PDB file of N, CA and C in Angstrom:
ATOM      1  N   UNK A   1      10.718  14.714 -16.371  1.00  0.00           N
ATOM      2  CA  UNK A   1      11.302  15.632 -15.400  1.00  0.00           C
ATOM      3  C   UNK A   1      11.487  14.930 -14.066  1.00  0.00           C
ATOM      4  N   UNK A   2      12.523  15.281 -13.397  1.00  0.00           N
ATOM      5  CA  UNK A   2      12.814  14.729 -12.078  1.00  0.00           C
ATOM      6  C   UNK A   2      11.838  15.285 -11.045  1.00  0.00           C
ATOM      7  N   UNK A   3      11.444  14.432 -10.112  1.00  0.00           N
ATOM      8  CA  UNK A   3      10.432  14.808  -9.107  1.00  0.00           C
ATOM      9  C   UNK A   3      10.856  16.022  -8.288  1.00  0.00           C
ATOM     10  N   UNK A   4      12.108  16.073  -7.871  1.00  0.00           N
ATOM     11  CA  UNK A   4      12.552  17.209  -7.058  1.00  0.00           C
ATOM     12  C   UNK A   4      12.508  18.514  -7.853  1.00  0.00           C
ATOM     13  N   UNK A   5      12.789  18.420  -9.133  1.00  0.00           N
ATOM     14  CA  UNK A   5      12.688  19.603 -10.001  1.00  0.00           C
ATOM     15  C   UNK A   5      11.243  20.083 -10.056  1.00  0.00           C
ATOM     16  N   UNK A   6      10.312  19.133 -10.177  1.00  0.00           N
ATOM     17  CA  UNK A   6       8.896  19.487 -10.205  1.00  0.00           C
ATOM     18  C   UNK A   6       8.459  20.126  -8.892  1.00  0.00           C
ATOM     19  N   UNK A   7       8.978  19.623  -7.780  1.00  0.00           N
ATOM     20  CA  UNK A   7       8.661  20.240  -6.482  1.00  0.00           C
ATOM     21  C   UNK A   7       9.206  21.663  -6.409  1.00  0.00           C
ATOM     22  N   UNK A   8      10.391  21.883  -6.942  1.00  0.00           N
ATOM     23  CA  UNK A   8      10.948  23.244  -6.969  1.00  0.00           C
ATOM     24  C   UNK A   8      10.066  24.182  -7.789  1.00  0.00           C
ATOM     25  N   UNK A   9       9.542  23.682  -8.906  1.00  0.00           N
ATOM     26  CA  UNK A   9       8.641  24.493  -9.718  1.00  0.00           C
ATOM     27  C   UNK A   9       7.380  24.834  -8.931  1.00  0.00           C
ATOM     28  N   UNK A  10       6.832  23.852  -8.219  1.00  0.00           N
ATOM     29  CA  UNK A  10       5.657  24.117  -7.387  1.00  0.00           C
ATOM     30  C   UNK A  10       5.958  25.160  -6.322  1.00  0.00           C
ATOM     31  N   UNK A  11       7.132  25.042  -5.700  1.00  0.00           N
ATOM     32  CA  UNK A  11       7.490  26.025  -4.668  1.00  0.00           C
ATOM     33  C   UNK A  11       7.589  27.422  -5.260  1.00  0.00           C
ATOM     34  N   UNK A  12       8.119  27.528  -6.478  1.00  0.00           N
ATOM     35  CA  UNK A  12       8.206  28.834  -7.134  1.00  0.00           C
ATOM     36  C   UNK A  12       6.831  29.339  -7.554  1.00  0.00           C
ATOM     37  N   UNK A  13       5.961  28.426  -7.968  1.00  0.00           N
ATOM     38  CA  UNK A  13       4.632  28.789  -8.445  1.00  0.00           C
ATOM     39  C   UNK A  13       3.728  29.210  -7.298  1.00  0.00           C
ATOM     40  N   UNK A  14       3.907  28.576  -6.148  1.00  0.00           N
ATOM     41  CA  UNK A  14       3.095  28.881  -4.967  1.00  0.00           C
ATOM     42  C   UNK A  14       4.002  29.365  -3.833  1.00  0.00           C
ATOM     43  N   UNK A  15       4.449  30.625  -3.907  1.00  0.00           N
ATOM     44  CA  UNK A  15       5.341  31.116  -2.856  1.00  0.00           C
ATOM     45  C   UNK A  15       4.667  31.187  -1.480  1.00  0.00           C
ATOM     46  N   UNK A  16       3.331  31.296  -1.481  1.00  0.00           N
ATOM     47  CA  UNK A  16       2.598  31.272  -0.220  1.00  0.00           C
ATOM     48  C   UNK A  16       2.572  29.820   0.270  1.00  0.00           C
ATOM     49  N   UNK A  17       3.195  29.567   1.405  1.00  0.00           N
ATOM     50  CA  UNK A  17       3.313  28.192   1.908  1.00  0.00           C
ATOM     51  C   UNK A  17       1.961  27.538   2.155  1.00  0.00           C
ATOM     52  N   UNK A  18       0.948  28.327   2.502  1.00  0.00           N
ATOM     53  CA  UNK A  18      -0.382  27.761   2.717  1.00  0.00           C
ATOM     54  C   UNK A  18      -0.969  27.212   1.417  1.00  0.00           C
ATOM     55  N   UNK A  19      -0.749  27.925   0.313  1.00  0.00           N
ATOM     56  CA  UNK A  19      -1.228  27.442  -0.982  1.00  0.00           C
ATOM     57  C   UNK A  19      -0.498  26.166  -1.384  1.00  0.00           C
ATOM     58  N   UNK A  20       0.809  26.174  -1.214  1.00  0.00           N
ATOM     59  CA  UNK A  20       1.602  24.992  -1.547  1.00  0.00           C
ATOM     60  C   UNK A  20       1.183  23.804  -0.685  1.00  0.00           C
ATOM     61  N   UNK A  21       0.952  24.047   0.583  1.00  0.00           N
ATOM     62  CA  UNK A  21       0.513  22.983   1.486  1.00  0.00           C
ATOM     63  C   UNK A  21      -0.828  22.414   1.037  1.00  0.00           C
ATOM     64  N   UNK A  22      -1.724  23.268   0.573  1.00  0.00           N
ATOM     65  CA  UNK A  22      -3.028  22.836   0.084  1.00  0.00           C
ATOM     66  C   UNK A  22      -2.866  21.950  -1.154  1.00  0.00           C
ATOM     67  N   UNK A  23      -2.020  22.369  -2.088  1.00  0.00           N
ATOM     68  CA  UNK A  23      -1.787  21.592  -3.308  1.00  0.00           C
ATOM     69  C   UNK A  23      -1.185  20.235  -2.967  1.00  0.00           C
ATOM     70  N   UNK A  24      -0.165  20.229  -2.137  1.00  0.00           N
ATOM     71  CA  UNK A  24       0.472  18.967  -1.758  1.00  0.00           C
ATOM     72  C   UNK A  24      -0.485  18.083  -0.963  1.00  0.00           C
ATOM     73  N   UNK A  25      -1.309  18.704  -0.131  1.00  0.00           N
ATOM     74  CA  UNK A  25      -2.302  17.947   0.618  1.00  0.00           C
ATOM     75  C   UNK A  25      -3.277  17.228  -0.303  1.00  0.00           C
ATOM     76  N   UNK A  26      -3.692  17.902  -1.376  1.00  0.00           N
ATOM     77  CA  UNK A  26      -4.597  17.273  -2.352  1.00  0.00           C
ATOM     78  C   UNK A  26      -3.910  16.082  -3.023  1.00  0.00           C
ATOM     79  N   UNK A  27      -2.649  16.234  -3.369  1.00  0.00           N
ATOM     80  CA  UNK A  27      -1.911  15.120  -3.977  1.00  0.00           C
ATOM     81  C   UNK A  27      -1.805  13.941  -3.011  1.00  0.00           C
ATOM     82  N   UNK A  28      -1.550  14.243  -1.749  1.00  0.00           N
ATOM     83  CA  UNK A  28      -1.477  13.180  -0.746  1.00  0.00           C
ATOM     84  C   UNK A  28      -2.824  12.489  -0.573  1.00  0.00           C
ATOM     85  N   UNK A  29      -3.916  13.249  -0.616  1.00  0.00           N
ATOM     86  CA  UNK A  29      -5.253  12.666  -0.500  1.00  0.00           C
ATOM     87  C   UNK A  29      -5.554  11.735  -1.672  1.00  0.00           C
ATOM     88  N   UNK A  30      -5.124  12.119  -2.872  1.00  0.00           N
ATOM     89  CA  UNK A  30      -5.321  11.269  -4.051  1.00  0.00           C
ATOM     90  C   UNK A  30      -4.541   9.968  -3.886  1.00  0.00           C
ATOM     91  N   UNK A  31      -3.295  10.079  -3.455  1.00  0.00           N
ATOM     92  CA  UNK A  31      -2.472   8.884  -3.242  1.00  0.00           C
ATOM     93  C   UNK A  31      -3.074   8.006  -2.153  1.00  0.00           C
ATOM     94  N   UNK A  32      -3.562   8.610  -1.084  1.00  0.00           N
ATOM     95  CA  UNK A  32      -4.170   7.862   0.010  1.00  0.00           C
ATOM     96  C   UNK A  32      -5.414   7.117  -0.469  1.00  0.00           C
ATOM     97  N   UNK A  33      -6.234   7.777  -1.244  1.00  0.00           N
ATOM     98  CA  UNK A  33      -7.433   7.137  -1.786  1.00  0.00           C
ATOM     99  C   UNK A  33      -7.050   5.944  -2.667  1.00  0.00           C
ATOM    100  N   UNK A  34      -6.033   6.114  -3.483  1.00  0.00           N
ATOM    101  CA  UNK A  34      -5.567   5.026  -4.344  1.00  0.00           C
ATOM    102  C   UNK A  34      -5.113   3.831  -3.513  1.00  0.00           C
ATOM    103  N   UNK A  35      -4.336   4.081  -2.476  1.00  0.00           N
ATOM    104  CA  UNK A  35      -3.847   2.975  -1.647  1.00  0.00           C
ATOM    105  C   UNK A  35      -4.964   2.322  -0.831  1.00  0.00           C
ATOM    106  N   UNK A  36      -5.952   3.083  -0.437  1.00  0.00           N
ATOM    107  CA  UNK A  36      -7.093   2.482   0.266  1.00  0.00           C
ATOM    108  C   UNK A  36      -7.876   1.550  -0.661  1.00  0.00           C
ATOM    109  N   UNK A  37      -8.016   1.939  -1.932  1.00  0.00           N
ATOM    110  CA  UNK A  37      -8.694   1.065  -2.894  1.00  0.00           C
ATOM    111  C   UNK A  37      -7.878  -0.202  -3.151  1.00  0.00           C
ATOM    112  N   UNK A  38      -6.577  -0.036  -3.272  1.00  0.00           N
ATOM    113  CA  UNK A  38      -5.714  -1.211  -3.436  1.00  0.00           C
ATOM    114  C   UNK A  38      -5.861  -2.157  -2.254  1.00  0.00           C
ATOM    115  N   UNK A  39      -5.844  -1.577  -1.054  1.00  0.00           N
ATOM    116  CA  UNK A  39      -5.963  -2.382   0.156  1.00  0.00           C
ATOM    117  C   UNK A  39      -7.263  -3.179   0.160  1.00  0.00           C
ATOM    118  N   UNK A  40      -8.358  -2.556  -0.247  1.00  0.00           N
ATOM    119  CA  UNK A  40      -9.643  -3.265  -0.316  1.00  0.00           C
ATOM    120  C   UNK A  40      -9.547  -4.466  -1.253  1.00  0.00           C
ATOM    121  N   UNK A  41      -8.929  -4.285  -2.425  1.00  0.00           N
ATOM    122  CA  UNK A  41      -8.780  -5.390  -3.378  1.00  0.00           C
ATOM    123  C   UNK A  41      -7.905  -6.495  -2.790  1.00  0.00           C
ATOM    124  N   UNK A  42      -6.787  -6.103  -2.185  1.00  0.00           N
ATOM    125  CA  UNK A  42      -5.892  -7.105  -1.595  1.00  0.00           C
ATOM    126  C   UNK A  42      -6.613  -7.897  -0.511  1.00  0.00           C
ATOM    127  N   UNK A  43      -7.375  -7.196   0.323  1.00  0.00           N
ATOM    128  CA  UNK A  43      -8.061  -7.882   1.417  1.00  0.00           C
ATOM    129  C   UNK A  43      -9.151  -8.825   0.905  1.00  0.00           C
ATOM    130  N   UNK A  44      -9.841  -8.444  -0.161  1.00  0.00           N
ATOM    131  CA  UNK A  44     -10.823  -9.358  -0.766  1.00  0.00           C
ATOM    132  C   UNK A  44     -10.133 -10.613  -1.288  1.00  0.00           C
ATOM    133  N   UNK A  45      -9.027 -10.415  -1.984  1.00  0.00           N
ATOM    134  CA  UNK A  45      -8.295 -11.564  -2.524  1.00  0.00           C
ATOM    135  C   UNK A  45      -7.715 -12.434  -1.416  1.00  0.00           C
ATOM    136  N   UNK A  46      -7.196 -11.806  -0.372  1.00  0.00           N
ATOM    137  CA  UNK A  46      -6.654 -12.568   0.754  1.00  0.00           C
ATOM    138  C   UNK A  46      -7.757 -13.358   1.447  1.00  0.00           C
ATOM    139  N   UNK A  47      -8.923 -12.757   1.566  1.00  0.00           N
ATOM    140  CA  UNK A  47     -10.050 -13.450   2.199  1.00  0.00           C
ATOM    141  C   UNK A  47     -10.405 -14.728   1.440  1.00  0.00           C
ATOM    142  N   UNK A  48     -10.320 -14.675   0.122  1.00  0.00           N
ATOM    143  CA  UNK A  48     -10.598 -15.877  -0.676  1.00  0.00           C
ATOM    144  C   UNK A  48      -9.615 -16.996  -0.341  1.00  0.00           C
ATOM    145  N   UNK A  49      -8.338 -16.661  -0.240  1.00  0.00           N
ATOM    146  CA  UNK A  49      -7.342 -17.665   0.123  1.00  0.00           C
ATOM    147  C   UNK A  49      -7.585 -18.194   1.536  1.00  0.00           C
ATOM    148  N   UNK A  50      -7.909 -17.284   2.454  1.00  0.00           N
ATOM    149  CA  UNK A  50      -8.153 -17.699   3.837  1.00  0.00           C
ATOM    150  C   UNK A  50      -9.334 -18.660   3.918  1.00  0.00           C
ATOM    151  N   UNK A  51     -10.382 -18.380   3.167  1.00  0.00           N
ATOM    152  CA  UNK A  51     -11.551 -19.258   3.161  1.00  0.00           C
ATOM    153  C   UNK A  51     -11.201 -20.607   2.520  1.00  0.00           C
ATOM    154  N   UNK A  52     -10.472 -20.567   1.428  1.00  0.00           N
ATOM    155  CA  UNK A  52     -10.125 -21.794   0.698  1.00  0.00           C
ATOM    156  C   UNK A  52      -9.251 -22.725   1.530  1.00  0.00           C
ATOM    157  N   UNK A  53      -8.303 -22.153   2.279  1.00  0.00           N
ATOM    158  CA  UNK A  53      -7.336 -22.968   3.015  1.00  0.00           C
ATOM    159  C   UNK A  53      -7.577 -22.997   4.521  1.00  0.00           C
ATOM    160  N   UNK A  54      -8.589 -22.267   5.002  1.00  0.00           N
ATOM    161  CA  UNK A  54      -8.927 -22.293   6.420  1.00  0.00           C
ATOM    162  C   UNK A  54      -7.815 -21.801   7.332  1.00  0.00           C
ATOM    163  N   UNK A  55      -7.136 -20.742   6.894  1.00  0.00           N
ATOM    164  CA  UNK A  55      -6.003 -20.228   7.667  1.00  0.00           C
ATOM    165  C   UNK A  55      -5.940 -18.710   7.489  1.00  0.00           C
ATOM    166  N   UNK A  56      -5.683 -17.987   8.555  1.00  0.00           N
ATOM    167  CA  UNK A  56      -5.514 -16.538   8.481  1.00  0.00           C
ATOM    168  C   UNK A  56      -4.201 -16.216   7.767  1.00  0.00           C
ATOM    169  N   UNK A  57      -4.187 -15.112   7.052  1.00  0.00           N
ATOM    170  CA  UNK A  57      -3.014 -14.749   6.257  1.00  0.00           C
ATOM    171  C   UNK A  57      -1.726 -14.583   7.057  1.00  0.00           C
ATOM    172  N   UNK A  58      -1.745 -13.937   8.238  1.00  0.00           N
ATOM    173  CA  UNK A  58      -0.481 -13.828   8.983  1.00  0.00           C
ATOM    174  C   UNK A  58       0.092 -15.191   9.380  1.00  0.00           C
ATOM    175  N   UNK A  59      -0.777 -16.120   9.757  1.00  0.00           N
ATOM    176  CA  UNK A  59      -0.336 -17.470  10.114  1.00  0.00           C
ATOM    177  C   UNK A  59       0.217 -18.165   8.873  1.00  0.00           C
ATOM    178  N   UNK A  60      -0.530 -18.064   7.775  1.00  0.00           N
ATOM    179  CA  UNK A  60      -0.059 -18.651   6.524  1.00  0.00           C
ATOM    180  C   UNK A  60       1.319 -18.125   6.171  1.00  0.00           C
ATOM    181  N   UNK A  61       1.477 -16.798   6.198  1.00  0.00           N
ATOM    182  CA  UNK A  61       2.730 -16.194   5.749  1.00  0.00           C
ATOM    183  C   UNK A  61       3.899 -16.657   6.606  1.00  0.00           C
ATOM    184  N   UNK A  62       3.692 -16.718   7.900  1.00  0.00           N
ATOM    185  CA  UNK A  62       4.751 -17.185   8.799  1.00  0.00           C
ATOM    186  C   UNK A  62       5.127 -18.630   8.460  1.00  0.00           C
ATOM    187  N   UNK A  63       4.140 -19.470   8.263  1.00  0.00           N
ATOM    188  CA  UNK A  63       4.403 -20.880   7.943  1.00  0.00           C
ATOM    189  C   UNK A  63       5.026 -21.028   6.553  1.00  0.00           C
ATOM    190  N   UNK A  64       4.566 -20.220   5.595  1.00  0.00           N
ATOM    191  CA  UNK A  64       5.113 -20.261   4.251  1.00  0.00           C
ATOM    192  C   UNK A  64       6.585 -19.861   4.256  1.00  0.00           C
ATOM    193  N   UNK A  65       6.895 -18.783   4.951  1.00  0.00           N
ATOM    194  CA  UNK A  65       8.280 -18.316   5.037  1.00  0.00           C
ATOM    195  C   UNK A  65       9.177 -19.327   5.747  1.00  0.00           C
ATOM    196  N   UNK A  66       8.606 -20.088   6.663  1.00  0.00           N
ATOM    197  CA  UNK A  66       9.371 -21.115   7.388  1.00  0.00           C
ATOM    198  C   UNK A  66       9.526 -22.390   6.551  1.00  0.00           C
ATOM    199  N   UNK A  67       8.897 -22.427   5.365  1.00  0.00           N
ATOM    200  CA  UNK A  67       9.023 -23.580   4.493  1.00  0.00           C
ATOM    201  C   UNK A  67       8.151 -24.756   4.877  1.00  0.00           C
ATOM    202  N   UNK A  68       7.104 -24.503   5.656  1.00  0.00           N
ATOM    203  CA  UNK A  68       6.249 -25.587   6.148  1.00  0.00           C
ATOM    204  C   UNK A  68       5.114 -25.973   5.192  1.00  0.00           C
ATOM    205  N   UNK A  69       4.897 -25.194   4.128  1.00  0.00           N
ATOM    206  CA  UNK A  69       3.690 -25.408   3.330  1.00  0.00           C
ATOM    207  C   UNK A  69       3.940 -25.887   1.908  1.00  0.00           C
ATOM    208  N   UNK A  70       5.137 -25.952   1.476  1.00  0.00           N
ATOM    209  CA  UNK A  70       5.413 -26.411   0.120  1.00  0.00           C
ATOM    210  C   UNK A  70       5.434 -25.276  -0.885  1.00  0.00           C
ATOM    211  N   UNK A  71       5.428 -25.685  -2.169  1.00  0.00           N
ATOM    212  CA  UNK A  71       5.643 -24.720  -3.244  1.00  0.00           C
ATOM    213  C   UNK A  71       4.456 -24.590  -4.197  1.00  0.00           C
ATOM    214  N   UNK A  72       3.256 -24.767  -3.702  1.00  0.00           N
ATOM    215  CA  UNK A  72       2.074 -24.623  -4.560  1.00  0.00           C
ATOM    216  C   UNK A  72       2.002 -23.195  -5.095  1.00  0.00           C
ATOM    217  N   UNK A  73       1.609 -23.061  -6.351  1.00  0.00           N
ATOM    218  CA  UNK A  73       1.524 -21.742  -6.972  1.00  0.00           C
ATOM    219  C   UNK A  73       0.577 -20.822  -6.199  1.00  0.00           C
ATOM    220  N   UNK A  74      -0.523 -21.372  -5.681  1.00  0.00           N
ATOM    221  CA  UNK A  74      -1.444 -20.578  -4.857  1.00  0.00           C
ATOM    222  C   UNK A  74      -0.721 -19.923  -3.688  1.00  0.00           C
ATOM    223  N   UNK A  75       0.201 -20.642  -3.089  1.00  0.00           N
ATOM    224  CA  UNK A  75       0.902 -20.120  -1.916  1.00  0.00           C
ATOM    225  C   UNK A  75       1.806 -18.947  -2.284  1.00  0.00           C
ATOM    226  N   UNK A  76       2.426 -19.022  -3.452  1.00  0.00           N
ATOM    227  CA  UNK A  76       3.259 -17.900  -3.884  1.00  0.00           C
ATOM    228  C   UNK A  76       2.397 -16.670  -4.167  1.00  0.00           C
ATOM    229  N   UNK A  77       1.233 -16.891  -4.772  1.00  0.00           N
ATOM    230  CA  UNK A  77       0.321 -15.772  -5.024  1.00  0.00           C
ATOM    231  C   UNK A  77      -0.182 -15.191  -3.706  1.00  0.00           C
ATOM    232  N   UNK A  78      -0.554 -16.060  -2.776  1.00  0.00           N
ATOM    233  CA  UNK A  78      -1.042 -15.617  -1.471  1.00  0.00           C
ATOM    234  C   UNK A  78       0.038 -14.826  -0.741  1.00  0.00           C
ATOM    235  N   UNK A  79       1.250 -15.336  -0.738  1.00  0.00           N
ATOM    236  CA  UNK A  79       2.355 -14.641  -0.068  1.00  0.00           C
ATOM    237  C   UNK A  79       2.603 -13.275  -0.712  1.00  0.00           C
ATOM    238  N   UNK A  80       2.542 -13.218  -2.040  1.00  0.00           N
ATOM    239  CA  UNK A  80       2.727 -11.941  -2.723  1.00  0.00           C
ATOM    240  C   UNK A  80       1.647 -10.946  -2.369  1.00  0.00           C
ATOM    241  N   UNK A  81       0.400 -11.413  -2.331  1.00  0.00           N
ATOM    242  CA  UNK A  81      -0.707 -10.540  -1.935  1.00  0.00           C
ATOM    243  C   UNK A  81      -0.547 -10.049  -0.503  1.00  0.00           C
ATOM    244  N   UNK A  82      -0.089 -10.935   0.361  1.00  0.00           N
ATOM    245  CA  UNK A  82       0.097 -10.550   1.762  1.00  0.00           C
ATOM    246  C   UNK A  82       1.158  -9.449   1.867  1.00  0.00           C
ATOM    247  N   UNK A  83       2.252  -9.601   1.112  1.00  0.00           N
ATOM    248  CA  UNK A  83       3.300  -8.571   1.148  1.00  0.00           C
ATOM    249  C   UNK A  83       2.788  -7.252   0.557  1.00  0.00           C
ATOM    250  N   UNK A  84       2.008  -7.336  -0.516  1.00  0.00           N
ATOM    251  CA  UNK A  84       1.424  -6.121  -1.087  1.00  0.00           C
ATOM    252  C   UNK A  84       0.511  -5.432  -0.083  1.00  0.00           C
ATOM    253  N   UNK A  85      -0.276  -6.232   0.653  1.00  0.00           N
ATOM    254  CA  UNK A  85      -1.164  -5.672   1.673  1.00  0.00           C
ATOM    255  C   UNK A  85      -0.359  -4.968   2.756  1.00  0.00           C
ATOM    256  N   UNK A  86       0.705  -5.597   3.212  1.00  0.00           N
ATOM    257  CA  UNK A  86       1.540  -5.002   4.255  1.00  0.00           C
ATOM    258  C   UNK A  86       2.165  -3.695   3.766  1.00  0.00           C
ATOM    259  N   UNK A  87       2.619  -3.693   2.519  1.00  0.00           N
ATOM    260  CA  UNK A  87       3.201  -2.485   1.945  1.00  0.00           C
ATOM    261  C   UNK A  87       2.153  -1.375   1.842  1.00  0.00           C
ATOM    262  N   UNK A  88       0.946  -1.735   1.395  1.00  0.00           N
ATOM    263  CA  UNK A  88      -0.129  -0.743   1.294  1.00  0.00           C
ATOM    264  C   UNK A  88      -0.483  -0.171   2.660  1.00  0.00           C
ATOM    265  N   UNK A  89      -0.539  -1.017   3.675  1.00  0.00           N
ATOM    266  CA  UNK A  89      -0.835  -0.538   5.035  1.00  0.00           C
ATOM    267  C   UNK A  89       0.213   0.462   5.504  1.00  0.00           C
ATOM    268  N   UNK A  90       1.478   0.183   5.212  1.00  0.00           N
ATOM    269  CA  UNK A  90       2.557   1.091   5.617  1.00  0.00           C
ATOM    270  C   UNK A  90       2.464   2.414   4.859  1.00  0.00           C
ATOM    271  N   UNK A  91       2.173   2.353   3.581  1.00  0.00           N
ATOM    272  CA  UNK A  91       2.043   3.590   2.804  1.00  0.00           C
ATOM    273  C   UNK A  91       0.844   4.403   3.284  1.00  0.00           C
ATOM    274  N   UNK A  92      -0.257   3.740   3.607  1.00  0.00           N
ATOM    275  CA  UNK A  92      -1.435   4.442   4.122  1.00  0.00           C
ATOM    276  C   UNK A  92      -1.079   5.106   5.451  1.00  0.00           C
ATOM    277  N   UNK A  93      -0.386   4.394   6.312  1.00  0.00           N
ATOM    278  CA  UNK A  93       0.016   4.979   7.602  1.00  0.00           C
ATOM    279  C   UNK A  93       0.861   6.229   7.385  1.00  0.00           C
ATOM    280  N   UNK A  94       1.827   6.155   6.468  1.00  0.00           N
ATOM    281  CA  UNK A  94       2.702   7.301   6.206  1.00  0.00           C
ATOM    282  C   UNK A  94       1.938   8.468   5.587  1.00  0.00           C
ATOM    283  N   UNK A  95       1.059   8.164   4.635  1.00  0.00           N
ATOM    284  CA  UNK A  95       0.274   9.226   4.004  1.00  0.00           C
ATOM    285  C   UNK A  95      -0.648   9.894   5.011  1.00  0.00           C
ATOM    286  N   UNK A  96      -1.305   9.101   5.851  1.00  0.00           N
ATOM    287  CA  UNK A  96      -2.192   9.675   6.868  1.00  0.00           C
ATOM    288  C   UNK A  96      -1.415  10.564   7.833  1.00  0.00           C
ATOM    289  N   UNK A  97      -0.200  10.178   8.164  1.00  0.00           N
ATOM    290  CA  UNK A  97       0.592  10.978   9.103  1.00  0.00           C
ATOM    291  C   UNK A  97       1.026  12.310   8.480  1.00  0.00           C
ATOM    292  N   UNK A  98       1.055  12.377   7.138  1.00  0.00           N
ATOM    293  CA  UNK A  98       1.462  13.603   6.457  1.00  0.00           C
ATOM    294  C   UNK A  98       0.319  14.590   6.261  1.00  0.00           C
ATOM    295  N   UNK A  99      -0.906  14.098   6.424  1.00  0.00           N
ATOM    296  CA  UNK A  99      -2.063  14.991   6.213  1.00  0.00           C
ATOM    297  C   UNK A  99      -2.406  15.783   7.453  1.00  0.00           C
TER     298      UNK A  99
END
């Protein structure tokens, strides 16, 4: 089923806006908890790279994107983790603003 269709069903099922807000709030809290756990994992993994290479992730990412560090497989993994972390931070910010 399409997501918007499911939302329409919820709106019909919970005509009281306070009830619907409560249900949606719970869903947002679940999503927020999931992204916070992801963020913890990403940060642990990023910390390992930072310790191994003696460089903070934002500095690494800037240098990697500028082509200053080469093509080591570790660097591609580190860059991917950094982007995942940034995406998770943005999703957490958006979810928190909706609660």
